[in-house]
Amino acid sequence: MARTKHISRKKRLGKAIKSCVAAPYWALLKRFGKRRVYRWRLNPQMRRHWRRNKLKK
């Protein structure tokens, strides 16, 4: 990726980083009641990878 980016792109990347957080562990225990559960089970649609999922331009 380019070193210099437009400010609007930087804003989108910052928002994506903040929204790309897994569910808290206590919520998983409350929902599923067992320990061997992936943290992305509660909000898998938020999961993003820099190479696989792109942000809208």
Protein backbone atom coordinates (compact mmCIF):
# COMPACT_ATOMS: atom_id res chain seq x y z
CA MET A 1 0.00 0.00 0.00
CA ALA A 2 1.18 3.52 -0.64
CA ARG A 3 2.93 5.31 2.15
CA THR A 4 0.98 8.53 1.67
CA LYS A 5 -2.79 8.15 1.87
CA HIS A 6 -5.72 10.53 1.56
CA ILE A 7 -7.22 11.65 4.84
CA SER A 8 -10.58 10.08 3.94
CA ARG A 9 -8.92 6.69 3.41
CA LYS A 10 -7.11 7.02 6.74
CA LYS A 11 -10.43 7.73 8.45
CA ARG A 12 -12.03 4.63 6.90
CA LEU A 13 -9.10 2.44 7.93
CA GLY A 14 -9.26 3.78 11.47
CA LYS A 15 -12.97 3.06 11.75
CA ALA A 16 -12.47 -0.43 10.35
CA ILE A 17 -9.76 -1.17 12.91
CA LYS A 18 -12.01 -0.04 15.76
CA SER A 19 -15.01 -2.03 14.52
CA CYS A 20 -12.96 -5.16 13.88
CA VAL A 21 -12.90 -6.25 17.54
CA ALA A 22 -14.01 -9.67 18.66
CA ALA A 23 -16.76 -10.17 21.19
CA PRO A 24 -15.79 -10.01 24.89
CA TYR A 25 -15.09 -13.29 26.59
CA TRP A 26 -17.83 -12.92 29.21
CA ALA A 27 -20.42 -12.54 26.43
CA LEU A 28 -19.29 -15.83 24.89
CA LEU A 29 -19.58 -17.60 28.24
CA LYS A 30 -23.04 -16.14 28.74
CA ARG A 31 -24.18 -17.13 25.26
CA PHE A 32 -22.56 -20.54 24.81
CA GLY A 33 -21.74 -21.56 28.39
CA LYS A 34 -18.52 -23.39 27.58
CA ARG A 35 -14.92 -22.35 27.20
CA ARG A 36 -13.88 -23.84 23.85
CA VAL A 37 -15.52 -21.27 21.61
CA TYR A 38 -13.84 -18.94 19.13
CA ARG A 39 -14.10 -15.27 20.00
CA TRP A 40 -15.54 -14.45 16.57
CA ARG A 41 -18.68 -16.55 17.08
CA LEU A 42 -20.83 -13.62 18.22
CA ASN A 43 -19.92 -11.15 15.49
CA PRO A 44 -18.34 -12.98 12.53
CA GLN A 45 -19.54 -10.38 10.02
CA MET A 46 -17.13 -7.86 11.54
CA ARG A 47 -14.11 -10.05 10.87
CA ARG A 48 -11.89 -8.55 8.23
CA HIS A 49 -8.52 -9.35 6.68
CA TRP A 50 -6.46 -6.80 4.76
CA ARG A 51 -5.96 -9.12 1.81
CA ARG A 52 -9.34 -10.87 1.63
CA ASN A 53 -11.92 -8.16 2.41
CA LYS A 54 -11.60 -4.66 1.02
CA LEU A 55 -13.22 -1.50 2.33
CA LYS A 56 -15.57 0.43 0.09
CA LYS A 57 -13.84 3.19 -1.85
